[in-house]
Amino acid sequence: MNFHGIGTPERALEPGEAPFWIDEGRFRDIVGQIAAHPARERIRITFDDGNRSDRTIALPVLQARGLRADFFVLTGRIGQPGALDAGDIRAMRAAGMGIGSHGVAHRHWSRLDAAALREELAGSKTVLEALLGEKVTAAAVPFGSYSRGVLAALRDCGYDTAWTSDGGKADPHGFLRPRTSVRSDMAPSALTMLLDGRMSSLRHLRRVLGMAHKRLL
């Protein structure tokens, strides 16, 4: 499951971003449900965008429950108001959290030409590796916007994992790993299904067809 911002945003939000910010109390409740779930070891937690709330809210809540997460950072925002700074990112990695790339400028990767796409993928990777002093091999695709060309470029740039927004279960050893983003308007029943790894037949069909279509583009 994937999170974005928690609590009150400390920056101006992009159009359509607000529903992906959730109340701090609800976040704590969800993390508590994950920690108590009988299959908690199979629930992967990720965060996109590199918001400041990743460090100030999410990290201590996860640590208190003994949980680990992967945080995908927009390197173009590092150090800006409301975003993680270099010290935050290093501290989160030192706490055992995973750090990956979300690109540079939060753009639709499938709409970019080859040069711009490489800057998003290789440029962000270079920044994070210099900051952390280690290889960064995982990326999260902004807006779920990928294609066959994007996946090939990710591999060419040295990534071995690409997290998407396709929803449903993910192969823990696969290159392409779907996620479901938690929204502020997500019903409790939908959250329960997500935690249990269940999906309606119709949504499953749409997911399969959607992923196949993107990989053929």
N, C-alpha and C. Protein backbone atom coordinates (compact mmCIF):
# COMPACT_ATOMS: atom_id res chain seq x y z
N MET A 1 0.85 -1.18 0.00
CA MET A 1 0.00 0.00 0.00
C MET A 1 0.89 1.23 0.00
N ASN A 2 0.38 2.28 -0.63
CA ASN A 2 1.19 3.47 -0.84
C ASN A 2 0.54 4.70 -0.21
N PHE A 3 1.38 5.50 0.46
CA PHE A 3 0.94 6.75 1.06
C PHE A 3 1.64 7.93 0.37
N HIS A 4 1.06 9.11 0.54
CA HIS A 4 1.68 10.32 0.03
C HIS A 4 1.92 11.26 1.21
N GLY A 5 1.04 12.22 1.43
CA GLY A 5 1.24 13.13 2.54
C GLY A 5 0.36 12.80 3.73
N ILE A 6 0.82 13.20 4.91
CA ILE A 6 0.08 12.95 6.15
C ILE A 6 -0.06 14.27 6.92
N GLY A 7 -1.26 14.51 7.44
CA GLY A 7 -1.47 15.71 8.22
C GLY A 7 -1.72 16.94 7.37
N THR A 8 -1.28 18.08 7.85
CA THR A 8 -1.48 19.34 7.15
C THR A 8 -0.32 19.61 6.20
N PRO A 9 -0.59 19.78 4.91
CA PRO A 9 0.51 20.05 3.95
C PRO A 9 1.28 21.31 4.32
N GLU A 10 2.59 21.27 4.11
CA GLU A 10 3.44 22.42 4.38
C GLU A 10 3.86 23.11 3.09
N ARG A 11 3.17 22.80 1.99
CA ARG A 11 3.46 23.41 0.70
C ARG A 11 2.16 23.46 -0.10
N ALA A 12 2.18 24.22 -1.18
CA ALA A 12 1.02 24.27 -2.07
C ALA A 12 0.90 22.94 -2.80
N LEU A 13 -0.30 22.36 -2.83
CA LEU A 13 -0.50 21.06 -3.46
C LEU A 13 -0.74 21.22 -4.96
N GLU A 14 -0.36 20.18 -5.70
CA GLU A 14 -0.62 20.15 -7.12
C GLU A 14 -2.10 19.86 -7.36
N PRO A 15 -2.63 20.21 -8.54
CA PRO A 15 -4.03 19.88 -8.84
C PRO A 15 -4.28 18.39 -8.70
N GLY A 16 -5.35 18.03 -7.99
CA GLY A 16 -5.70 16.62 -7.82
C GLY A 16 -4.94 15.89 -6.74
N GLU A 17 -4.05 16.57 -6.03
CA GLU A 17 -3.22 15.90 -5.03
C GLU A 17 -3.90 15.77 -3.67
N ALA A 18 -4.80 16.68 -3.34
CA ALA A 18 -5.39 16.74 -2.00
C ALA A 18 -5.98 15.41 -1.50
N PRO A 19 -6.70 14.63 -2.33
CA PRO A 19 -7.27 13.39 -1.83
C PRO A 19 -6.24 12.36 -1.36
N PHE A 20 -4.98 12.55 -1.73
CA PHE A 20 -3.95 11.60 -1.35
C PHE A 20 -3.25 11.98 -0.04
N TRP A 21 -3.69 13.07 0.57
CA TRP A 21 -3.22 13.43 1.90
C TRP A 21 -4.24 12.93 2.92
N ILE A 22 -3.76 12.24 3.95
CA ILE A 22 -4.68 11.70 4.95
C ILE A 22 -4.38 12.28 6.33
N ASP A 23 -5.40 12.28 7.14
CA ASP A 23 -5.31 12.78 8.50
C ASP A 23 -4.31 11.95 9.31
N GLU A 24 -3.58 12.61 10.20
CA GLU A 24 -2.58 11.91 11.00
C GLU A 24 -3.20 10.81 11.86
N GLY A 25 -4.37 11.08 12.44
CA GLY A 25 -5.02 10.08 13.27
C GLY A 25 -5.39 8.84 12.46
N ARG A 26 -5.87 9.06 11.25
CA ARG A 26 -6.23 7.90 10.42
C ARG A 26 -4.97 7.13 10.02
N PHE A 27 -3.90 7.85 9.74
CA PHE A 27 -2.65 7.16 9.41
C PHE A 27 -2.21 6.27 10.56
N ARG A 28 -2.29 6.78 11.78
CA ARG A 28 -1.90 5.98 12.93
C ARG A 28 -2.80 4.74 13.06
N ASP A 29 -4.07 4.90 12.80
CA ASP A 29 -4.99 3.77 12.86
C ASP A 29 -4.64 2.71 11.82
N ILE A 30 -4.34 3.16 10.60
CA ILE A 30 -3.99 2.22 9.53
C ILE A 30 -2.71 1.47 9.86
N VAL A 31 -1.72 2.19 10.36
CA VAL A 31 -0.46 1.53 10.73
C VAL A 31 -0.71 0.53 11.84
N GLY A 32 -1.59 0.86 12.76
CA GLY A 32 -1.94 -0.08 13.82
C GLY A 32 -2.59 -1.34 13.26
N GLN A 33 -3.45 -1.18 12.25
CA GLN A 33 -4.08 -2.34 11.61
C GLN A 33 -3.05 -3.20 10.90
N ILE A 34 -2.08 -2.55 10.25
CA ILE A 34 -1.02 -3.31 9.58
C ILE A 34 -0.22 -4.10 10.60
N ALA A 35 0.15 -3.44 11.69
CA ALA A 35 0.98 -4.09 12.71
C ALA A 35 0.27 -5.28 13.34
N ALA A 36 -1.07 -5.21 13.44
CA ALA A 36 -1.84 -6.28 14.08
C ALA A 36 -2.29 -7.34 13.07
N HIS A 37 -2.06 -7.12 11.80
CA HIS A 37 -2.56 -8.04 10.78
C HIS A 37 -1.79 -9.36 10.84
N PRO A 38 -2.48 -10.50 10.73
CA PRO A 38 -1.79 -11.79 10.80
C PRO A 38 -0.77 -12.01 9.67
N ALA A 39 -0.93 -11.28 8.58
CA ALA A 39 0.01 -11.42 7.46
C ALA A 39 0.82 -10.13 7.28
N ARG A 40 1.14 -9.47 8.36
CA ARG A 40 1.83 -8.17 8.28
C ARG A 40 3.14 -8.24 7.52
N GLU A 41 3.81 -9.38 7.56
CA GLU A 41 5.10 -9.49 6.87
C GLU A 41 4.94 -9.45 5.35
N ARG A 42 3.73 -9.64 4.86
CA ARG A 42 3.49 -9.61 3.41
C ARG A 42 2.95 -8.27 2.93
N ILE A 43 2.73 -7.35 3.86
CA ILE A 43 2.21 -6.02 3.49
C ILE A 43 3.38 -5.07 3.33
N ARG A 44 3.59 -4.58 2.11
CA ARG A 44 4.66 -3.63 1.84
C ARG A 44 4.11 -2.22 1.92
N ILE A 45 4.84 -1.35 2.58
CA ILE A 45 4.43 0.03 2.79
C ILE A 45 5.39 0.94 2.02
N THR A 46 4.83 1.82 1.21
CA THR A 46 5.65 2.77 0.48
C THR A 46 5.08 4.19 0.61
N PHE A 47 5.93 5.16 0.33
CA PHE A 47 5.55 6.58 0.35
C PHE A 47 6.14 7.24 -0.89
N ASP A 48 5.36 8.09 -1.53
CA ASP A 48 5.82 8.83 -2.69
C ASP A 48 5.97 10.32 -2.39
N ASP A 49 6.80 10.98 -3.15
CA ASP A 49 6.93 12.44 -3.25
C ASP A 49 8.00 13.04 -2.34
N GLY A 50 8.34 12.40 -1.22
CA GLY A 50 9.34 12.98 -0.33
C GLY A 50 8.84 14.16 0.47
N ASN A 51 7.60 14.07 0.97
CA ASN A 51 7.05 15.12 1.81
C ASN A 51 7.69 15.12 3.20
N ARG A 52 7.73 16.27 3.81
CA ARG A 52 8.33 16.42 5.14
C ARG A 52 7.64 15.52 6.16
N SER A 53 6.35 15.26 5.97
CA SER A 53 5.62 14.40 6.90
C SER A 53 6.15 12.97 6.92
N ASP A 54 6.91 12.58 5.91
CA ASP A 54 7.53 11.25 5.93
C ASP A 54 8.45 11.11 7.14
N ARG A 55 9.19 12.18 7.43
CA ARG A 55 10.14 12.15 8.54
C ARG A 55 9.47 12.51 9.86
N THR A 56 8.65 13.55 9.87
CA THR A 56 8.12 14.05 11.13
C THR A 56 6.97 13.22 11.69
N ILE A 57 6.20 12.57 10.81
CA ILE A 57 5.04 11.79 11.27
C ILE A 57 5.22 10.29 10.99
N ALA A 58 5.45 9.96 9.73
CA ALA A 58 5.46 8.54 9.35
C ALA A 58 6.58 7.76 10.02
N LEU A 59 7.78 8.28 9.99
CA LEU A 59 8.93 7.53 10.52
C LEU A 59 8.74 7.14 11.99
N PRO A 60 8.44 8.06 12.90
CA PRO A 60 8.27 7.63 14.31
C PRO A 60 7.11 6.67 14.52
N VAL A 61 6.03 6.84 13.75
CA VAL A 61 4.90 5.92 13.90
C VAL A 61 5.29 4.52 13.45
N LEU A 62 5.99 4.42 12.35
CA LEU A 62 6.45 3.11 11.86
C LEU A 62 7.42 2.48 12.84
N GLN A 63 8.35 3.26 13.34
CA GLN A 63 9.34 2.73 14.29
C GLN A 63 8.67 2.21 15.56
N ALA A 64 7.67 2.91 16.02
CA ALA A 64 6.97 2.50 17.24
C ALA A 64 6.28 1.16 17.07
N ARG A 65 5.91 0.83 15.84
CA ARG A 65 5.22 -0.43 15.54
C ARG A 65 6.16 -1.51 15.00
N GLY A 66 7.44 -1.17 14.87
CA GLY A 66 8.40 -2.14 14.35
C GLY A 66 8.21 -2.44 12.88
N LEU A 67 7.78 -1.44 12.12
CA LEU A 67 7.51 -1.63 10.69
C LEU A 67 8.54 -0.88 9.85
N ARG A 68 8.72 -1.39 8.64
CA ARG A 68 9.65 -0.78 7.68
C ARG A 68 8.88 -0.30 6.46
N ALA A 69 9.37 0.75 5.81
CA ALA A 69 8.74 1.25 4.60
C ALA A 69 9.81 1.71 3.61
N ASP A 70 9.40 1.87 2.37
CA ASP A 70 10.27 2.42 1.33
C ASP A 70 9.74 3.80 0.95
N PHE A 71 10.64 4.77 0.88
CA PHE A 71 10.28 6.16 0.60
C PHE A 71 10.88 6.57 -0.74
N PHE A 72 10.02 7.02 -1.65
CA PHE A 72 10.46 7.39 -2.99
C PHE A 72 10.44 8.92 -3.11
N VAL A 73 11.61 9.47 -3.36
CA VAL A 73 11.87 10.90 -3.23
C VAL A 73 11.93 11.59 -4.59
N LEU A 74 11.31 12.76 -4.67
CA LEU A 74 11.48 13.65 -5.82
C LEU A 74 12.72 14.50 -5.54
N THR A 75 13.79 14.26 -6.27
CA THR A 75 15.05 14.94 -5.94
C THR A 75 15.00 16.44 -6.22
N GLY A 76 14.13 16.87 -7.12
CA GLY A 76 14.01 18.29 -7.39
C GLY A 76 13.40 19.08 -6.25
N ARG A 77 12.80 18.39 -5.30
CA ARG A 77 12.17 19.06 -4.15
C ARG A 77 13.03 18.99 -2.89
N ILE A 78 14.12 18.27 -2.91
CA ILE A 78 14.91 18.09 -1.70
C ILE A 78 15.32 19.46 -1.13
N GLY A 79 15.00 19.67 0.14
CA GLY A 79 15.35 20.91 0.81
C GLY A 79 14.37 22.04 0.63
N GLN A 80 13.34 21.84 -0.18
CA GLN A 80 12.34 22.89 -0.37
C GLN A 80 11.32 22.86 0.78
N PRO A 81 10.58 23.96 0.99
CA PRO A 81 9.56 23.97 2.06
C PRO A 81 8.57 22.82 1.91
N GLY A 82 8.34 22.12 3.01
CA GLY A 82 7.39 21.01 3.00
C GLY A 82 7.94 19.70 2.50
N ALA A 83 9.22 19.68 2.09
CA ALA A 83 9.84 18.47 1.55
C ALA A 83 10.99 18.01 2.44
N LEU A 84 11.39 16.78 2.25
CA LEU A 84 12.54 16.26 2.98
C LEU A 84 13.81 16.99 2.56
N ASP A 85 14.73 17.16 3.50
CA ASP A 85 16.05 17.67 3.14
C ASP A 85 17.06 16.53 3.20
N ALA A 86 18.29 16.81 2.86
CA ALA A 86 19.30 15.76 2.79
C ALA A 86 19.48 15.05 4.13
N GLY A 87 19.44 15.80 5.22
CA GLY A 87 19.59 15.19 6.54
C GLY A 87 18.44 14.27 6.87
N ASP A 88 17.23 14.64 6.49
CA ASP A 88 16.07 13.79 6.71
C ASP A 88 16.24 12.45 6.00
N ILE A 89 16.66 12.51 4.75
CA ILE A 89 16.79 11.30 3.94
C ILE A 89 17.86 10.38 4.52
N ARG A 90 18.98 10.95 4.92
CA ARG A 90 20.03 10.13 5.53
C ARG A 90 19.55 9.51 6.84
N ALA A 91 18.82 10.27 7.64
CA ALA A 91 18.33 9.76 8.92
C ALA A 91 17.34 8.62 8.71
N MET A 92 16.50 8.74 7.72
CA MET A 92 15.52 7.69 7.45
C MET A 92 16.21 6.43 6.98
N ARG A 93 17.23 6.57 6.15
CA ARG A 93 17.99 5.40 5.70
C ARG A 93 18.72 4.76 6.88
N ALA A 94 19.29 5.58 7.76
CA ALA A 94 19.99 5.06 8.94
C ALA A 94 19.04 4.32 9.87
N ALA A 95 17.75 4.68 9.82
CA ALA A 95 16.73 4.02 10.65
C ALA A 95 16.25 2.72 10.02
N GLY A 96 16.82 2.35 8.87
CA GLY A 96 16.46 1.08 8.25
C GLY A 96 15.41 1.17 7.17
N MET A 97 15.00 2.39 6.83
CA MET A 97 14.00 2.56 5.78
C MET A 97 14.67 2.52 4.41
N GLY A 98 13.90 2.11 3.41
CA GLY A 98 14.41 2.09 2.05
C GLY A 98 14.22 3.45 1.40
N ILE A 99 15.17 3.83 0.54
CA ILE A 99 15.08 5.10 -0.19
C ILE A 99 15.17 4.79 -1.68
N GLY A 100 14.24 5.32 -2.45
CA GLY A 100 14.24 5.13 -3.89
C GLY A 100 13.90 6.41 -4.61
N SER A 101 13.92 6.35 -5.93
CA SER A 101 13.67 7.52 -6.76
C SER A 101 12.21 7.61 -7.19
N HIS A 102 11.71 8.84 -7.20
CA HIS A 102 10.39 9.15 -7.77
C HIS A 102 10.58 10.13 -8.94
N GLY A 103 11.85 10.23 -9.38
CA GLY A 103 12.19 11.17 -10.44
C GLY A 103 12.66 12.50 -9.88
N VAL A 104 12.69 13.49 -10.75
CA VAL A 104 13.16 14.82 -10.37
C VAL A 104 12.01 15.80 -10.14
N ALA A 105 11.13 15.91 -11.11
CA ALA A 105 10.16 17.01 -11.11
C ALA A 105 8.70 16.58 -11.15
N HIS A 106 8.40 15.35 -10.81
CA HIS A 106 7.03 14.85 -10.75
C HIS A 106 6.31 15.02 -12.08
N ARG A 107 6.87 14.39 -13.09
CA ARG A 107 6.30 14.46 -14.44
C ARG A 107 5.82 13.08 -14.88
N HIS A 108 4.96 13.06 -15.88
CA HIS A 108 4.48 11.81 -16.46
C HIS A 108 5.58 11.22 -17.33
N TRP A 109 6.20 10.16 -16.87
CA TRP A 109 7.35 9.61 -17.59
C TRP A 109 7.01 9.14 -19.00
N SER A 110 5.83 8.62 -19.18
CA SER A 110 5.47 8.09 -20.50
C SER A 110 5.27 9.19 -21.54
N ARG A 111 5.22 10.45 -21.11
CA ARG A 111 5.01 11.57 -22.04
C ARG A 111 6.32 12.27 -22.41
N LEU A 112 7.43 11.84 -21.84
CA LEU A 112 8.71 12.52 -22.03
C LEU A 112 9.49 11.95 -23.20
N ASP A 113 10.32 12.80 -23.82
CA ASP A 113 11.22 12.28 -24.85
C ASP A 113 12.39 11.57 -24.15
N ALA A 114 13.25 10.94 -24.93
CA ALA A 114 14.30 10.10 -24.36
C ALA A 114 15.23 10.87 -23.44
N ALA A 115 15.61 12.10 -23.83
CA ALA A 115 16.55 12.88 -23.03
C ALA A 115 15.93 13.30 -21.69
N ALA A 116 14.69 13.76 -21.74
CA ALA A 116 14.01 14.19 -20.52
C ALA A 116 13.76 13.01 -19.59
N LEU A 117 13.42 11.86 -20.16
CA LEU A 117 13.19 10.67 -19.34
C LEU A 117 14.47 10.23 -18.66
N ARG A 118 15.58 10.28 -19.38
CA ARG A 118 16.84 9.88 -18.78
C ARG A 118 17.23 10.81 -17.63
N GLU A 119 16.93 12.10 -17.77
CA GLU A 119 17.22 13.02 -16.69
C GLU A 119 16.39 12.68 -15.45
N GLU A 120 15.12 12.33 -15.66
CA GLU A 120 14.29 11.93 -14.53
C GLU A 120 14.83 10.69 -13.84
N LEU A 121 15.24 9.71 -14.61
CA LEU A 121 15.66 8.42 -14.06
C LEU A 121 17.12 8.43 -13.59
N ALA A 122 18.03 8.76 -14.51
CA ALA A 122 19.45 8.74 -14.16
C ALA A 122 19.83 9.93 -13.29
N GLY A 123 19.25 11.09 -13.58
CA GLY A 123 19.58 12.28 -12.80
C GLY A 123 19.19 12.14 -11.34
N SER A 124 17.98 11.67 -11.09
CA SER A 124 17.53 11.49 -9.70
C SER A 124 18.34 10.41 -9.00
N LYS A 125 18.66 9.36 -9.72
CA LYS A 125 19.44 8.25 -9.14
C LYS A 125 20.82 8.74 -8.70
N THR A 126 21.45 9.56 -9.55
CA THR A 126 22.77 10.08 -9.23
C THR A 126 22.74 10.94 -7.97
N VAL A 127 21.72 11.79 -7.85
CA VAL A 127 21.60 12.65 -6.67
C VAL A 127 21.44 11.83 -5.40
N LEU A 128 20.56 10.84 -5.43
CA LEU A 128 20.32 10.03 -4.23
C LEU A 128 21.53 9.17 -3.87
N GLU A 129 22.20 8.64 -4.86
CA GLU A 129 23.38 7.81 -4.57
C GLU A 129 24.50 8.64 -3.97
N ALA A 130 24.67 9.86 -4.45
CA ALA A 130 25.69 10.74 -3.88
C ALA A 130 25.33 11.12 -2.44
N LEU A 131 24.04 11.32 -2.19
CA LEU A 131 23.58 11.71 -0.86
C LEU A 131 23.73 10.57 0.15
N LEU A 132 23.45 9.35 -0.29
CA LEU A 132 23.44 8.20 0.61
C LEU A 132 24.75 7.41 0.63
N GLY A 133 25.54 7.55 -0.42
CA GLY A 133 26.77 6.79 -0.50
C GLY A 133 26.54 5.32 -0.77
N GLU A 134 25.45 4.99 -1.46
CA GLU A 134 25.14 3.60 -1.81
C GLU A 134 24.26 3.58 -3.05
N LYS A 135 24.14 2.40 -3.65
CA LYS A 135 23.34 2.26 -4.85
C LYS A 135 21.85 2.43 -4.55
N VAL A 136 21.15 3.05 -5.48
CA VAL A 136 19.70 3.18 -5.42
C VAL A 136 19.15 2.43 -6.62
N THR A 137 18.37 1.38 -6.37
CA THR A 137 17.94 0.51 -7.47
C THR A 137 16.43 0.38 -7.59
N ALA A 138 15.68 1.14 -6.81
CA ALA A 138 14.21 1.07 -6.87
C ALA A 138 13.65 2.43 -7.23
N ALA A 139 12.59 2.42 -8.05
CA ALA A 139 11.92 3.65 -8.44
C ALA A 139 10.42 3.46 -8.35
N ALA A 140 9.71 4.56 -8.09
CA ALA A 140 8.25 4.55 -8.09
C ALA A 140 7.80 5.48 -9.21
N VAL A 141 6.91 4.98 -10.06
CA VAL A 141 6.48 5.71 -11.25
C VAL A 141 5.45 6.78 -10.90
N PRO A 142 5.72 8.06 -11.17
CA PRO A 142 4.72 9.11 -10.88
C PRO A 142 3.44 8.92 -11.69
N PHE A 143 2.31 9.10 -11.04
CA PHE A 143 1.00 9.04 -11.68
C PHE A 143 0.70 7.67 -12.32
N GLY A 144 1.51 6.67 -12.07
CA GLY A 144 1.31 5.38 -12.72
C GLY A 144 1.55 5.45 -14.22
N SER A 145 2.31 6.47 -14.66
CA SER A 145 2.48 6.75 -16.08
C SER A 145 3.72 6.04 -16.64
N TYR A 146 3.52 4.82 -17.10
CA TYR A 146 4.64 4.08 -17.69
C TYR A 146 4.23 3.42 -18.99
N SER A 147 5.23 2.96 -19.70
CA SER A 147 5.04 2.29 -20.98
C SER A 147 6.18 1.30 -21.15
N ARG A 148 6.17 0.57 -22.24
CA ARG A 148 7.26 -0.37 -22.51
C ARG A 148 8.60 0.39 -22.56
N GLY A 149 8.58 1.58 -23.18
CA GLY A 149 9.80 2.37 -23.26
C GLY A 149 10.29 2.84 -21.90
N VAL A 150 9.37 3.23 -21.03
CA VAL A 150 9.75 3.66 -19.68
C VAL A 150 10.37 2.50 -18.91
N LEU A 151 9.79 1.33 -19.01
CA LEU A 151 10.32 0.17 -18.30
C LEU A 151 11.72 -0.19 -18.81
N ALA A 152 11.92 -0.09 -20.12
CA ALA A 152 13.24 -0.37 -20.69
C ALA A 152 14.26 0.66 -20.21
N ALA A 153 13.85 1.93 -20.14
CA ALA A 153 14.75 2.98 -19.67
C ALA A 153 15.11 2.79 -18.20
N LEU A 154 14.15 2.37 -17.40
CA LEU A 154 14.44 2.08 -15.99
C LEU A 154 15.51 1.01 -15.86
N ARG A 155 15.39 -0.05 -16.61
CA ARG A 155 16.39 -1.12 -16.58
C ARG A 155 17.75 -0.59 -17.06
N ASP A 156 17.74 0.18 -18.13
CA ASP A 156 18.99 0.72 -18.68
C ASP A 156 19.71 1.63 -17.68
N CYS A 157 18.94 2.30 -16.85
CA CYS A 157 19.53 3.21 -15.86
C CYS A 157 19.95 2.51 -14.58
N GLY A 158 19.74 1.21 -14.50
CA GLY A 158 20.23 0.44 -13.36
C GLY A 158 19.22 0.16 -12.26
N TYR A 159 17.94 0.35 -12.55
CA TYR A 159 16.91 0.02 -11.56
C TYR A 159 16.52 -1.46 -11.71
N ASP A 160 16.29 -2.12 -10.59
CA ASP A 160 15.84 -3.51 -10.64
C ASP A 160 14.41 -3.68 -10.11
N THR A 161 13.79 -2.57 -9.71
CA THR A 161 12.41 -2.61 -9.21
C THR A 161 11.68 -1.34 -9.64
N ALA A 162 10.47 -1.52 -10.16
CA ALA A 162 9.64 -0.37 -10.55
C ALA A 162 8.28 -0.52 -9.89
N TRP A 163 7.98 0.36 -8.94
CA TRP A 163 6.70 0.35 -8.24
C TRP A 163 5.71 1.21 -9.02
N THR A 164 4.49 0.70 -9.22
CA THR A 164 3.48 1.38 -10.01
C THR A 164 2.24 1.68 -9.17
N SER A 165 1.20 2.16 -9.83
CA SER A 165 -0.07 2.46 -9.16
C SER A 165 -1.20 1.60 -9.71
N ASP A 166 -0.86 0.39 -10.15
CA ASP A 166 -1.84 -0.48 -10.79
C ASP A 166 -2.77 -1.18 -9.80
N GLY A 167 -2.40 -1.21 -8.53
CA GLY A 167 -3.25 -1.86 -7.53
C GLY A 167 -3.05 -3.36 -7.49
N GLY A 168 -3.46 -3.96 -6.38
CA GLY A 168 -3.41 -5.41 -6.25
C GLY A 168 -2.10 -5.92 -5.66
N LYS A 169 -1.95 -7.23 -5.72
CA LYS A 169 -0.77 -7.89 -5.15
C LYS A 169 0.44 -7.71 -6.06
N ALA A 170 1.61 -7.79 -5.44
CA ALA A 170 2.86 -7.67 -6.18
C ALA A 170 3.76 -8.86 -5.89
N ASP A 171 4.45 -9.33 -6.91
CA ASP A 171 5.46 -10.37 -6.74
C ASP A 171 6.64 -9.74 -6.01
N PRO A 172 7.01 -10.23 -4.82
CA PRO A 172 8.11 -9.61 -4.06
C PRO A 172 9.46 -9.70 -4.75
N HIS A 173 9.55 -10.52 -5.80
CA HIS A 173 10.80 -10.65 -6.53
C HIS A 173 10.71 -10.10 -7.95
N GLY A 174 9.56 -9.55 -8.31
CA GLY A 174 9.34 -9.08 -9.66
C GLY A 174 9.92 -7.69 -9.92
N PHE A 175 10.13 -7.37 -11.17
CA PHE A 175 10.60 -6.03 -11.53
C PHE A 175 9.47 -5.02 -11.41
N LEU A 176 8.31 -5.35 -11.94
CA LEU A 176 7.14 -4.47 -11.91
C LEU A 176 6.27 -4.83 -10.70
N ARG A 177 6.08 -3.88 -9.79
CA ARG A 177 5.36 -4.17 -8.54
C ARG A 177 4.20 -3.19 -8.35
N PRO A 178 2.97 -3.65 -8.53
CA PRO A 178 1.79 -2.79 -8.37
C PRO A 178 1.59 -2.39 -6.90
N ARG A 179 0.96 -1.23 -6.72
CA ARG A 179 0.58 -0.77 -5.39
C ARG A 179 -0.82 -0.16 -5.46
N THR A 180 -1.43 0.02 -4.30
CA THR A 180 -2.68 0.76 -4.18
C THR A 180 -2.44 1.95 -3.27
N SER A 181 -2.77 3.14 -3.74
CA SER A 181 -2.59 4.35 -2.94
C SER A 181 -3.76 4.53 -1.97
N VAL A 182 -3.44 4.85 -0.73
CA VAL A 182 -4.45 5.13 0.28
C VAL A 182 -4.91 6.57 0.10
N ARG A 183 -6.22 6.76 0.00
CA ARG A 183 -6.81 8.08 -0.18
C ARG A 183 -7.64 8.47 1.04
N SER A 184 -7.86 9.76 1.18
CA SER A 184 -8.64 10.24 2.32
C SER A 184 -10.09 9.79 2.25
N ASP A 185 -10.57 9.49 1.03
CA ASP A 185 -11.97 9.07 0.87
C ASP A 185 -12.12 7.55 0.76
N MET A 186 -11.07 6.81 1.08
CA MET A 186 -11.14 5.35 1.01
C MET A 186 -12.04 4.80 2.13
N ALA A 187 -13.02 4.00 1.76
CA ALA A 187 -13.95 3.44 2.73
C ALA A 187 -13.26 2.38 3.59
N PRO A 188 -13.70 2.21 4.85
CA PRO A 188 -13.11 1.19 5.72
C PRO A 188 -13.13 -0.20 5.09
N SER A 189 -14.22 -0.53 4.36
CA SER A 189 -14.30 -1.84 3.73
C SER A 189 -13.24 -2.01 2.65
N ALA A 190 -12.97 -0.92 1.91
CA ALA A 190 -11.93 -0.97 0.88
C ALA A 190 -10.56 -1.14 1.50
N LEU A 191 -10.35 -0.50 2.63
CA LEU A 191 -9.07 -0.64 3.33
C LEU A 191 -8.89 -2.07 3.83
N THR A 192 -9.96 -2.67 4.35
CA THR A 192 -9.89 -4.05 4.82
C THR A 192 -9.53 -5.00 3.67
N MET A 193 -10.16 -4.80 2.51
CA MET A 193 -9.86 -5.63 1.35
C MET A 193 -8.40 -5.46 0.93
N LEU A 194 -7.92 -4.22 0.99
CA LEU A 194 -6.53 -3.95 0.63
C LEU A 194 -5.57 -4.68 1.56
N LEU A 195 -5.81 -4.59 2.85
CA LEU A 195 -4.95 -5.26 3.82
C LEU A 195 -4.96 -6.77 3.66
N ASP A 196 -6.13 -7.30 3.26
CA ASP A 196 -6.26 -8.75 3.09
C ASP A 196 -5.81 -9.22 1.71
N GLY A 197 -5.42 -8.29 0.86
CA GLY A 197 -4.96 -8.66 -0.48
C GLY A 197 -6.07 -9.10 -1.39
N ARG A 198 -7.29 -8.60 -1.14
CA ARG A 198 -8.44 -8.98 -1.97
C ARG A 198 -8.81 -7.85 -2.93
N MET A 199 -9.38 -8.25 -4.07
CA MET A 199 -9.80 -7.29 -5.09
C MET A 199 -11.02 -7.84 -5.80
N SER A 200 -11.97 -6.97 -6.12
CA SER A 200 -13.16 -7.43 -6.83
C SER A 200 -12.78 -7.98 -8.20
N SER A 201 -13.61 -8.86 -8.73
CA SER A 201 -13.32 -9.48 -10.03
C SER A 201 -13.22 -8.43 -11.13
N LEU A 202 -14.12 -7.43 -11.09
CA LEU A 202 -14.11 -6.40 -12.11
C LEU A 202 -12.84 -5.57 -12.04
N ARG A 203 -12.45 -5.19 -10.84
CA ARG A 203 -11.24 -4.39 -10.70
C ARG A 203 -10.01 -5.20 -11.10
N HIS A 204 -10.02 -6.47 -10.77
CA HIS A 204 -8.89 -7.32 -11.15
C HIS A 204 -8.77 -7.39 -12.68
N LEU A 205 -9.89 -7.52 -13.36
CA LEU A 205 -9.86 -7.58 -14.83
C LEU A 205 -9.34 -6.27 -15.39
N ARG A 206 -9.83 -5.16 -14.86
CA ARG A 206 -9.36 -3.86 -15.33
C ARG A 206 -7.86 -3.70 -15.10
N ARG A 207 -7.39 -4.18 -13.96
CA ARG A 207 -5.96 -4.10 -13.64
C ARG A 207 -5.14 -4.87 -14.65
N VAL A 208 -5.53 -6.10 -14.92
CA VAL A 208 -4.79 -6.95 -15.86
C VAL A 208 -4.75 -6.31 -17.25
N LEU A 209 -5.90 -5.83 -17.71
CA LEU A 209 -5.96 -5.22 -19.04
C LEU A 209 -5.16 -3.92 -19.09
N GLY A 210 -5.25 -3.14 -18.02
CA GLY A 210 -4.53 -1.87 -17.98
C GLY A 210 -3.02 -2.06 -18.00
N MET A 211 -2.53 -3.01 -17.22
CA MET A 211 -1.09 -3.27 -17.19
C MET A 211 -0.61 -3.80 -18.53
N ALA A 212 -1.39 -4.67 -19.15
CA ALA A 212 -1.00 -5.22 -20.45
C ALA A 212 -0.93 -4.10 -21.49
N HIS A 213 -1.91 -3.19 -21.45
CA HIS A 213 -1.94 -2.09 -22.40
C HIS A 213 -0.72 -1.19 -22.25
N LYS A 214 -0.37 -0.84 -21.01
CA LYS A 214 0.78 0.03 -20.78
C LYS A 214 2.07 -0.61 -21.27
N ARG A 215 2.22 -1.91 -21.07
CA ARG A 215 3.46 -2.59 -21.46
C ARG A 215 3.56 -2.75 -22.98
N LEU A 216 2.46 -2.53 -23.69
CA LEU A 216 2.49 -2.63 -25.15
C LEU A 216 2.70 -1.27 -25.81
N LEU A 217 2.54 -0.18 -25.05
CA LEU A 217 2.66 1.17 -25.62
C LEU A 217 4.09 1.47 -26.05
